[in-house]
PDB file of N, CA and C in Angstrom:
ATOM      1  N   MET A   1     123.239 144.474  83.449  1.00  0.00           N
ATOM      2  CA  MET A   1     122.272 144.302  84.517  1.00  0.00           C
ATOM      3  C   MET A   1     121.036 143.547  84.023  1.00  0.00           C
ATOM      4  N   LYS A   2     120.547 143.937  82.852  1.00  0.00           N
ATOM      5  CA  LYS A   2     119.355 143.293  82.299  1.00  0.00           C
ATOM      6  C   LYS A   2     119.617 141.814  81.997  1.00  0.00           C
ATOM      7  N   THR A   3     120.813 141.510  81.513  1.00  0.00           N
ATOM      8  CA  THR A   3     121.166 140.129  81.197  1.00  0.00           C
ATOM      9  C   THR A   3     121.238 139.282  82.465  1.00  0.00           C
ATOM     10  N   SER A   4     121.792 139.835  83.530  1.00  0.00           N
ATOM     11  CA  SER A   4     121.897 139.069  84.777  1.00  0.00           C
ATOM     12  C   SER A   4     120.523 138.832  85.405  1.00  0.00           C
ATOM     13  N   VAL A   5     119.607 139.787  85.250  1.00  0.00           N
ATOM     14  CA  VAL A   5     118.244 139.592  85.752  1.00  0.00           C
ATOM     15  C   VAL A   5     117.553 138.488  84.957  1.00  0.00           C
ATOM     16  N   GLU A   6     117.736 138.487  83.643  1.00  0.00           N
ATOM     17  CA  GLU A   6     117.150 137.438  82.807  1.00  0.00           C
ATOM     18  C   GLU A   6     117.739 136.077  83.163  1.00  0.00           C
ATOM     19  N   LEU A   7     119.035 136.026  83.387  1.00  0.00           N
ATOM     20  CA  LEU A   7     119.690 134.774  83.774  1.00  0.00           C
ATOM     21  C   LEU A   7     119.154 134.277  85.110  1.00  0.00           C
ATOM     22  N   LEU A   8     118.953 135.182  86.059  1.00  0.00           N
ATOM     23  CA  LEU A   8     118.398 134.820  87.354  1.00  0.00           C
ATOM     24  C   LEU A   8     116.976 134.274  87.209  1.00  0.00           C
ATOM     25  N   LYS A   9     116.184 134.903  86.356  1.00  0.00           N
ATOM     26  CA  LYS A   9     114.821 134.422  86.105  1.00  0.00           C
ATOM     27  C   LYS A   9     114.832 133.023  85.510  1.00  0.00           C
ATOM     28  N   LEU A  10     115.716 132.799  84.552  1.00  0.00           N
ATOM     29  CA  LEU A  10     115.795 131.486  83.911  1.00  0.00           C
ATOM     30  C   LEU A  10     116.264 130.404  84.880  1.00  0.00           C
ATOM     31  N   LYS A  11     117.203 130.742  85.742  1.00  0.00           N
ATOM     32  CA  LYS A  11     117.657 129.781  86.749  1.00  0.00           C
ATOM     33  C   LYS A  11     116.532 129.451  87.729  1.00  0.00           C
ATOM     34  N   ALA A  12     115.779 130.467  88.140  1.00  0.00           N
ATOM     35  CA  ALA A  12     114.656 130.235  89.048  1.00  0.00           C
ATOM     36  C   ALA A  12     113.592 129.383  88.378  1.00  0.00           C
ATOM     37  N   LEU A  13     113.326 129.654  87.108  1.00  0.00           N
ATOM     38  CA  LEU A  13     112.355 128.857  86.357  1.00  0.00           C
ATOM     39  C   LEU A  13     112.814 127.415  86.241  1.00  0.00           C
ATOM     40  N   ASP A  14     114.103 127.216  85.988  1.00  0.00           N
ATOM     41  CA  ASP A  14     114.650 125.866  85.873  1.00  0.00           C
ATOM     42  C   ASP A  14     114.493 125.113  87.190  1.00  0.00           C
ATOM     43  N   LYS A  15     114.829 125.750  88.301  1.00  0.00           N
ATOM     44  CA  LYS A  15     114.696 125.109  89.616  1.00  0.00           C
ATOM     45  C   LYS A  15     113.239 124.781  89.931  1.00  0.00           C
ATOM     46  N   SER A  16     112.355 125.735  89.681  1.00  0.00           N
ATOM     47  CA  SER A  16     110.942 125.505  90.022  1.00  0.00           C
ATOM     48  C   SER A  16     110.336 124.409  89.157  1.00  0.00           C
ATOM     49  N   THR A  17     110.697 124.344  87.875  1.00  0.00           N
ATOM     50  CA  THR A  17     110.163 123.266  87.040  1.00  0.00           C
ATOM     51  C   THR A  17     110.722 121.913  87.468  1.00  0.00           C
ATOM     52  N   ASP A  18     111.973 121.885  87.907  1.00  0.00           N
ATOM     53  CA  ASP A  18     112.536 120.634  88.426  1.00  0.00           C
ATOM     54  C   ASP A  18     111.773 120.169  89.664  1.00  0.00           C
ATOM     55  N   VAL A  19     111.524 121.073  90.581  1.00  0.00           N
ATOM     56  CA  VAL A  19     110.815 120.726  91.818  1.00  0.00           C
ATOM     57  C   VAL A  19     109.385 120.283  91.506  1.00  0.00           C
ATOM     58  N   ILE A  20     108.692 121.021  90.650  1.00  0.00           N
ATOM     59  CA  ILE A  20     107.299 120.673  90.316  1.00  0.00           C
ATOM     60  C   ILE A  20     107.222 119.332  89.602  1.00  0.00           C
ATOM     61  N   SER A  21     108.127 119.090  88.655  1.00  0.00           N
ATOM     62  CA  SER A  21     108.088 117.813  87.945  1.00  0.00           C
ATOM     63  C   SER A  21     108.421 116.653  88.876  1.00  0.00           C
ATOM     64  N   ASP A  22     109.355 116.858  89.792  1.00  0.00           N
ATOM     65  CA  ASP A  22     109.685 115.811  90.752  1.00  0.00           C
ATOM     66  C   ASP A  22     108.504 115.526  91.676  1.00  0.00           C
ATOM     67  N   LEU A  23     107.855 116.573  92.169  1.00  0.00           N
ATOM     68  CA  LEU A  23     106.700 116.383  93.041  1.00  0.00           C
ATOM     69  C   LEU A  23     105.544 115.709  92.302  1.00  0.00           C
ATOM     70  N   THR A  24     105.342 116.069  91.052  1.00  0.00           N
ATOM     71  CA  THR A  24     104.268 115.461  90.264  1.00  0.00           C
ATOM     72  C   THR A  24     104.529 113.978  90.045  1.00  0.00           C
ATOM     73  N   SER A  25     105.749 113.622  89.726  1.00  0.00           N
ATOM     74  CA  SER A  25     106.050 112.203  89.516  1.00  0.00           C
ATOM     75  C   SER A  25     105.910 111.419  90.818  1.00  0.00           C
ATOM     76  N   ARG A  26     106.319 112.018  91.922  1.00  0.00           N
ATOM     77  CA  ARG A  26     106.160 111.340  93.214  1.00  0.00           C
ATOM     78  C   ARG A  26     104.686 111.190  93.580  1.00  0.00           C
ATOM     79  N   LEU A  27     103.889 112.204  93.263  1.00  0.00           N
ATOM     80  CA  LEU A  27     102.456 112.134  93.532  1.00  0.00           C
ATOM     81  C   LEU A  27     101.815 111.000  92.746  1.00  0.00           C
ATOM     82  N   ALA A  28     102.200 110.831  91.501  1.00  0.00           N
ATOM     83  CA  ALA A  28     101.658 109.745  90.688  1.00  0.00           C
ATOM     84  C   ALA A  28     101.990 108.385  91.308  1.00  0.00           C
ATOM     85  N   VAL A  29     103.213 108.234  91.768  1.00  0.00           N
ATOM     86  CA  VAL A  29     103.618 106.978  92.412  1.00  0.00           C
ATOM     87  C   VAL A  29     102.813 106.751  93.688  1.00  0.00           C
ATOM     88  N   VAL A  30     102.630 107.797  94.479  1.00  0.00           N
ATOM     89  CA  VAL A  30     101.876 107.687  95.728  1.00  0.00           C
ATOM     90  C   VAL A  30     100.424 107.288  95.447  1.00  0.00           C
ATOM     91  N   VAL A  31      99.827 107.843  94.405  1.00  0.00           N
ATOM     92  CA  VAL A  31      98.440 107.504  94.063  1.00  0.00           C
ATOM     93  C   VAL A  31      98.329 106.019  93.729  1.00  0.00           C
ATOM     94  N   PHE A  32      99.226 105.499  92.919  1.00  0.00           N
ATOM     95  CA  PHE A  32      99.155 104.093  92.561  1.00  0.00           C
ATOM     96  C   PHE A  32      99.459 103.177  93.741  1.00  0.00           C
ATOM     97  N   ILE A  33     100.370 103.575  94.602  1.00  0.00           N
ATOM     98  CA  ILE A  33     100.640 102.779  95.808  1.00  0.00           C
ATOM     99  C   ILE A  33      99.417 102.789  96.721  1.00  0.00           C
ATOM    100  N   ALA A  34      98.759 103.937  96.846  1.00  0.00           N
ATOM    101  CA  ALA A  34      97.550 104.032  97.673  1.00  0.00           C
ATOM    102  C   ALA A  34      96.448 103.135  97.119  1.00  0.00           C
ATOM    103  N   LEU A  35      96.264 103.131  95.809  1.00  0.00           N
ATOM    104  CA  LEU A  35      95.256 102.245  95.204  1.00  0.00           C
ATOM    105  C   LEU A  35      95.597 100.779  95.452  1.00  0.00           C
ATOM    106  N   PHE A  36      96.877 100.439  95.339  1.00  0.00           N
ATOM    107  CA  PHE A  36      97.305  99.071  95.611  1.00  0.00           C
ATOM    108  C   PHE A  36      96.951  98.664  97.036  1.00  0.00           C
ATOM    109  N   PHE A  37      97.276  99.531  97.998  1.00  0.00           N
ATOM    110  CA  PHE A  37      97.004  99.197  99.391  1.00  0.00           C
ATOM    111  C   PHE A  37      95.509  99.192  99.698  1.00  0.00           C
ATOM    112  N   LEU A  38      94.747 100.025  99.027  1.00  0.00           N
ATOM    113  CA  LEU A  38      93.298 100.016  99.217  1.00  0.00           C
ATOM    114  C   LEU A  38      92.710  98.675  98.786  1.00  0.00           C
ATOM    115  N   ILE A  39      93.076  98.224  97.598  1.00  0.00           N
ATOM    116  CA  ILE A  39      92.550  96.957  97.095  1.00  0.00           C
ATOM    117  C   ILE A  39      93.090  95.793  97.922  1.00  0.00           C
ATOM    118  N   LEU A  40      94.345  95.852  98.301  1.00  0.00           N
ATOM    119  CA  LEU A  40      94.925  94.812  99.158  1.00  0.00           C
ATOM    120  C   LEU A  40      94.214  94.758 100.504  1.00  0.00           C
ATOM    121  N   SER A  41      93.908  95.906 101.071  1.00  0.00           N
ATOM    122  CA  SER A  41      93.221  95.964 102.365  1.00  0.00           C
ATOM    123  C   SER A  41      91.830  95.349 102.282  1.00  0.00           C
ATOM    124  N   ILE A  42      91.121  95.635 101.216  1.00  0.00           N
ATOM    125  CA  ILE A  42      89.789  95.044 101.042  1.00  0.00           C
ATOM    126  C   ILE A  42      89.903  93.535 100.928  1.00  0.00           C
ATOM    127  N   GLY A  43      90.883  93.068 100.158  1.00  0.00           N
ATOM    128  CA  GLY A  43      91.095  91.629 100.023  1.00  0.00           C
ATOM    129  C   GLY A  43      91.450  90.967 101.345  1.00  0.00           C
ATOM    130  N   VAL A  44      92.335  91.586 102.099  1.00  0.00           N
ATOM    131  CA  VAL A  44      92.732  91.028 103.405  1.00  0.00           C
ATOM    132  C   VAL A  44      91.547  91.039 104.367  1.00  0.00           C
ATOM    133  N   ALA A  45      90.767  92.123 104.352  1.00  0.00           N
ATOM    134  CA  ALA A  45      89.600  92.203 105.237  1.00  0.00           C
ATOM    135  C   ALA A  45      88.588  91.116 104.896  1.00  0.00           C
ATOM    136  N   LEU A  46      88.351  90.896 103.614  1.00  0.00           N
ATOM    137  CA  LEU A  46      87.413  89.835 103.214  1.00  0.00           C
ATOM    138  C   LEU A  46      87.949  88.458 103.599  1.00  0.00           C
ATOM    139  N   TRP A  47      89.245  88.253 103.425  1.00  0.00           N
ATOM    140  CA  TRP A  47      89.841  86.972 103.762  1.00  0.00           C
ATOM    141  C   TRP A  47      89.764  86.717 105.273  1.00  0.00           C
ATOM    142  N   ILE A  48      90.128  87.712 106.081  1.00  0.00           N
ATOM    143  CA  ILE A  48      90.057  87.562 107.540  1.00  0.00           C
ATOM    144  C   ILE A  48      88.605  87.320 107.963  1.00  0.00           C
ATOM    145  N   GLY A  49      87.692  88.082 107.376  1.00  0.00           N
ATOM    146  CA  GLY A  49      86.276  87.904 107.701  1.00  0.00           C
ATOM    147  C   GLY A  49      85.777  86.522 107.359  1.00  0.00           C
ATOM    148  N   GLU A  50      86.227  85.988 106.232  1.00  0.00           N
ATOM    149  CA  GLU A  50      85.822  84.627 105.842  1.00  0.00           C
ATOM    150  C   GLU A  50      86.376  83.599 106.820  1.00  0.00           C
ATOM    151  N   GLU A  51      87.616  83.806 107.266  1.00  0.00           N
ATOM    152  CA  GLU A  51      88.218  82.880 108.223  1.00  0.00           C
ATOM    153  C   GLU A  51      87.520  82.937 109.582  1.00  0.00           C
ATOM    154  N   LEU A  52      87.040  84.125 109.962  1.00  0.00           N
ATOM    155  CA  LEU A  52      86.391  84.283 111.263  1.00  0.00           C
ATOM    156  C   LEU A  52      84.883  84.039 111.213  1.00  0.00           C
ATOM    157  N   GLY A  53      84.328  83.908 110.022  1.00  0.00           N
ATOM    158  CA  GLY A  53      82.912  83.595 109.897  1.00  0.00           C
ATOM    159  C   GLY A  53      81.998  84.786 109.698  1.00  0.00           C
ATOM    160  N   LYS A  54      82.461  85.984 109.932  1.00  0.00           N
ATOM    161  CA  LYS A  54      81.666  87.200 109.729  1.00  0.00           C
ATOM    162  C   LYS A  54      82.539  88.192 108.969  1.00  0.00           C
ATOM    163  N   SER A  55      82.044  88.677 107.838  1.00  0.00           N
ATOM    164  CA  SER A  55      82.889  89.543 107.009  1.00  0.00           C
ATOM    165  C   SER A  55      83.246  90.851 107.711  1.00  0.00           C
ATOM    166  N   TYR A  56      82.357  91.356 108.560  1.00  0.00           N
ATOM    167  CA  TYR A  56      82.660  92.634 109.202  1.00  0.00           C
ATOM    168  C   TYR A  56      83.783  92.522 110.223  1.00  0.00           C
ATOM    169  N   TYR A  57      84.040  91.321 110.740  1.00  0.00           N
ATOM    170  CA  TYR A  57      85.183  91.154 111.641  1.00  0.00           C
ATOM    171  C   TYR A  57      86.489  91.505 110.926  1.00  0.00           C
ATOM    172  N   GLY A  58      86.610  91.066 109.707  1.00  0.00           N
ATOM    173  CA  GLY A  58      87.811  91.350 108.936  1.00  0.00           C
ATOM    174  C   GLY A  58      87.994  92.838 108.722  1.00  0.00           C
ATOM    175  N   PHE A  59      86.895  93.528 108.394  1.00  0.00           N
ATOM    176  CA  PHE A  59      86.994  94.968 108.185  1.00  0.00           C
ATOM    177  C   PHE A  59      87.315  95.701 109.483  1.00  0.00           C
ATOM    178  N   LEU A  60      86.776  95.228 110.600  1.00  0.00           N
ATOM    179  CA  LEU A  60      87.095  95.841 111.885  1.00  0.00           C
ATOM    180  C   LEU A  60      88.564  95.649 112.254  1.00  0.00           C
ATOM    181  N   ILE A  61      89.087  94.475 111.987  1.00  0.00           N
ATOM    182  CA  ILE A  61      90.496  94.213 112.293  1.00  0.00           C
ATOM    183  C   ILE A  61      91.407  95.066 111.421  1.00  0.00           C
ATOM    184  N   VAL A  62      91.102  95.141 110.129  1.00  0.00           N
ATOM    185  CA  VAL A  62      91.914  95.964 109.226  1.00  0.00           C
ATOM    186  C   VAL A  62      91.802  97.444 109.614  1.00  0.00           C
ATOM    187  N   ALA A  63      90.611  97.895 109.951  1.00  0.00           N
ATOM    188  CA  ALA A  63      90.433  99.288 110.383  1.00  0.00           C
ATOM    189  C   ALA A  63      91.213  99.552 111.672  1.00  0.00           C
ATOM    190  N   GLY A  64      91.224  98.602 112.596  1.00  0.00           N
ATOM    191  CA  GLY A  64      92.008  98.746 113.821  1.00  0.00           C
ATOM    192  C   GLY A  64      93.503  98.850 113.531  1.00  0.00           C
ATOM    193  N   PHE A  65      93.951  98.048 112.580  1.00  0.00           N
ATOM    194  CA  PHE A  65      95.361  98.125 112.173  1.00  0.00           C
ATOM    195  C   PHE A  65      95.686  99.513 111.628  1.00  0.00           C
ATOM    196  N   TYR A  66      94.819 100.038 110.758  1.00  0.00           N
ATOM    197  CA  TYR A  66      95.065 101.372 110.201  1.00  0.00           C
ATOM    198  C   TYR A  66      94.925 102.455 111.269  1.00  0.00           C
ATOM    199  N   GLY A  67      94.030 102.271 112.207  1.00  0.00           N
ATOM    200  CA  GLY A  67      93.906 103.230 113.295  1.00  0.00           C
ATOM    201  C   GLY A  67      95.163 103.270 114.147  1.00  0.00           C
ATOM    202  N   LEU A  68      95.698 102.097 114.477  1.00  0.00           N
ATOM    203  CA  LEU A  68      96.936 102.024 115.252  1.00  0.00           C
ATOM    204  C   LEU A  68      98.111 102.625 114.475  1.00  0.00           C
ATOM    205  N   THR A  69      98.182 102.319 113.187  1.00  0.00           N
ATOM    206  CA  THR A  69      99.237 102.882 112.345  1.00  0.00           C
ATOM    207  C   THR A  69      99.122 104.403 112.276  1.00  0.00           C
ATOM    208  N   GLY A  70      97.894 104.911 112.127  1.00  0.00           N
ATOM    209  CA  GLY A  70      97.674 106.352 112.097  1.00  0.00           C
ATOM    210  C   GLY A  70      98.070 107.014 113.400  1.00  0.00           C
ATOM    211  N   LEU A  71      97.771 106.367 114.513  1.00  0.00           N
ATOM    212  CA  LEU A  71      98.155 106.901 115.818  1.00  0.00           C
ATOM    213  C   LEU A  71      99.676 106.969 115.956  1.00  0.00           C
ATOM    214  N   LEU A  72     100.364 105.915 115.538  1.00  0.00           N
ATOM    215  CA  LEU A  72     101.830 105.917 115.580  1.00  0.00           C
ATOM    216  C   LEU A  72     102.412 107.002 114.676  1.00  0.00           C
ATOM    217  N   LEU A  73     101.837 107.163 113.480  1.00  0.00           N
ATOM    218  CA  LEU A  73     102.308 108.216 112.580  1.00  0.00           C
ATOM    219  C   LEU A  73     102.080 109.601 113.179  1.00  0.00           C
ATOM    220  N   HIS A  74     100.968 109.773 113.861  1.00  0.00           N
ATOM    221  CA  HIS A  74     100.692 111.056 114.495  1.00  0.00           C
ATOM    222  C   HIS A  74     101.701 111.353 115.610  1.00  0.00           C
ATOM    223  N   VAL A  75     101.989 110.358 116.413  1.00  0.00           N
ATOM    224  CA  VAL A  75     102.912 110.554 117.534  1.00  0.00           C
ATOM    225  C   VAL A  75     104.328 110.838 117.035  1.00  0.00           C
ATOM    226  N   PHE A  76     104.758 110.118 115.996  1.00  0.00           N
ATOM    227  CA  PHE A  76     106.129 110.248 115.500  1.00  0.00           C
ATOM    228  C   PHE A  76     106.203 111.020 114.184  1.00  0.00           C
ATOM    229  N   ARG A  77     105.224 111.892 113.901  1.00  0.00           N
ATOM    230  CA  ARG A  77     105.161 112.575 112.610  1.00  0.00           C
ATOM    231  C   ARG A  77     106.362 113.481 112.361  1.00  0.00           C
ATOM    232  N   ASN A  78     106.887 114.112 113.389  1.00  0.00           N
ATOM    233  CA  ASN A  78     108.042 114.999 113.176  1.00  0.00           C
ATOM    234  C   ASN A  78     109.275 114.214 112.755  1.00  0.00           C
ATOM    235  N   ALA A  79     109.555 113.133 113.444  1.00  0.00           N
ATOM    236  CA  ALA A  79     110.759 112.355 113.148  1.00  0.00           C
ATOM    237  C   ALA A  79     110.616 111.526 111.872  1.00  0.00           C
ATOM    238  N   TRP A  80     109.428 110.988 111.611  1.00  0.00           N
ATOM    239  CA  TRP A  80     109.242 110.079 110.483  1.00  0.00           C
ATOM    240  C   TRP A  80     108.817 110.779 109.197  1.00  0.00           C
ATOM    241  N   ILE A  81     108.127 111.918 109.304  1.00  0.00           N
ATOM    242  CA  ILE A  81     107.577 112.545 108.104  1.00  0.00           C
ATOM    243  C   ILE A  81     108.119 113.956 107.893  1.00  0.00           C
ATOM    244  N   LYS A  82     107.960 114.821 108.890  1.00  0.00           N
ATOM    245  CA  LYS A  82     108.273 116.241 108.713  1.00  0.00           C
ATOM    246  C   LYS A  82     109.749 116.476 108.406  1.00  0.00           C
ATOM    247  N   GLU A  83     110.637 115.964 109.216  1.00  0.00           N
ATOM    248  CA  GLU A  83     112.071 116.197 109.016  1.00  0.00           C
ATOM    249  C   GLU A  83     112.589 115.590 107.706  1.00  0.00           C
ATOM    250  N   PRO A  84     112.254 114.326 107.391  1.00  0.00           N
ATOM    251  CA  PRO A  84     112.727 113.787 106.103  1.00  0.00           C
ATOM    252  C   PRO A  84     112.194 114.565 104.899  1.00  0.00           C
ATOM    253  N   LEU A  85     110.929 115.004 104.953  1.00  0.00           N
ATOM    254  CA  LEU A  85     110.382 115.797 103.853  1.00  0.00           C
ATOM    255  C   LEU A  85     111.084 117.143 103.746  1.00  0.00           C
ATOM    256  N   LYS A  86     111.314 117.779 104.881  1.00  0.00           N
ATOM    257  CA  LYS A  86     112.004 119.068 104.882  1.00  0.00           C
ATOM    258  C   LYS A  86     113.397 118.924 104.276  1.00  0.00           C
ATOM    259  N   ASN A  87     114.107 117.889 104.687  1.00  0.00           N
ATOM    260  CA  ASN A  87     115.453 117.659 104.149  1.00  0.00           C
ATOM    261  C   ASN A  87     115.412 117.358 102.659  1.00  0.00           C
ATOM    262  N   SER A  88     114.391 116.619 102.230  1.00  0.00           N
ATOM    263  CA  SER A  88     114.258 116.311 100.812  1.00  0.00           C
ATOM    264  C   SER A  88     114.000 117.557  99.991  1.00  0.00           C
ATOM    265  N   PHE A  89     113.120 118.436 100.478  1.00  0.00           N
ATOM    266  CA  PHE A  89     112.842 119.680  99.764  1.00  0.00           C
ATOM    267  C   PHE A  89     114.073 120.577  99.700  1.00  0.00           C
ATOM    268  N   ILE A  90     114.833 120.634 100.793  1.00  0.00           N
ATOM    269  CA  ILE A  90     116.033 121.450 100.811  1.00  0.00           C
ATOM    270  C   ILE A  90     117.061 120.893  99.819  1.00  0.00           C
ATOM    271  N   THR A  91     117.191 119.579  99.775  1.00  0.00           N
ATOM    272  CA  THR A  91     118.108 118.955  98.828  1.00  0.00           C
ATOM    273  C   THR A  91     117.682 119.236  97.401  1.00  0.00           C
ATOM    274  N   LEU A  92     116.384 119.132  97.113  1.00  0.00           N
ATOM    275  CA  LEU A  92     115.888 119.426  95.766  1.00  0.00           C
ATOM    276  C   LEU A  92     116.158 120.869  95.374  1.00  0.00           C
ATOM    277  N   ALA A  93     115.943 121.770  96.292  1.00  0.00           N
ATOM    278  CA  ALA A  93     116.070 123.192  95.978  1.00  0.00           C
ATOM    279  C   ALA A  93     117.519 123.627  95.817  1.00  0.00           C
ATOM    280  N   THR A  94     118.446 122.936  96.474  1.00  0.00           N
ATOM    281  CA  THR A  94     119.838 123.355  96.405  1.00  0.00           C
ATOM    282  C   THR A  94     120.625 122.665  95.296  1.00  0.00           C
ATOM    283  N   ASN A  95     120.100 121.616  94.731  1.00  0.00           N
ATOM    284  CA  ASN A  95     120.826 120.904  93.648  1.00  0.00           C
ATOM    285  C   ASN A  95     120.542 121.512  92.315  1.00  0.00           C
TER     286      ASN A  95
END
């Protein structure tokens, strides 16, 4: 009985460390992608502003794009974010 409890603990520890390490590596990738898009957005906003003659026009256009994207993500969050994440977590936990 004691051996099976220890084995169960070790299996749970193995699964949890796998999940945590996978989430940590994904978080690192997300951080770098976010930084890339932040710098890209500033560059695009400055470029659009230069083309239109006023730098704030570019920032307003880029902000409008992100606002529209955020609205779409909010409306479709269950289908685009919640369900795929749930399925991914279930797959991680069962493998």
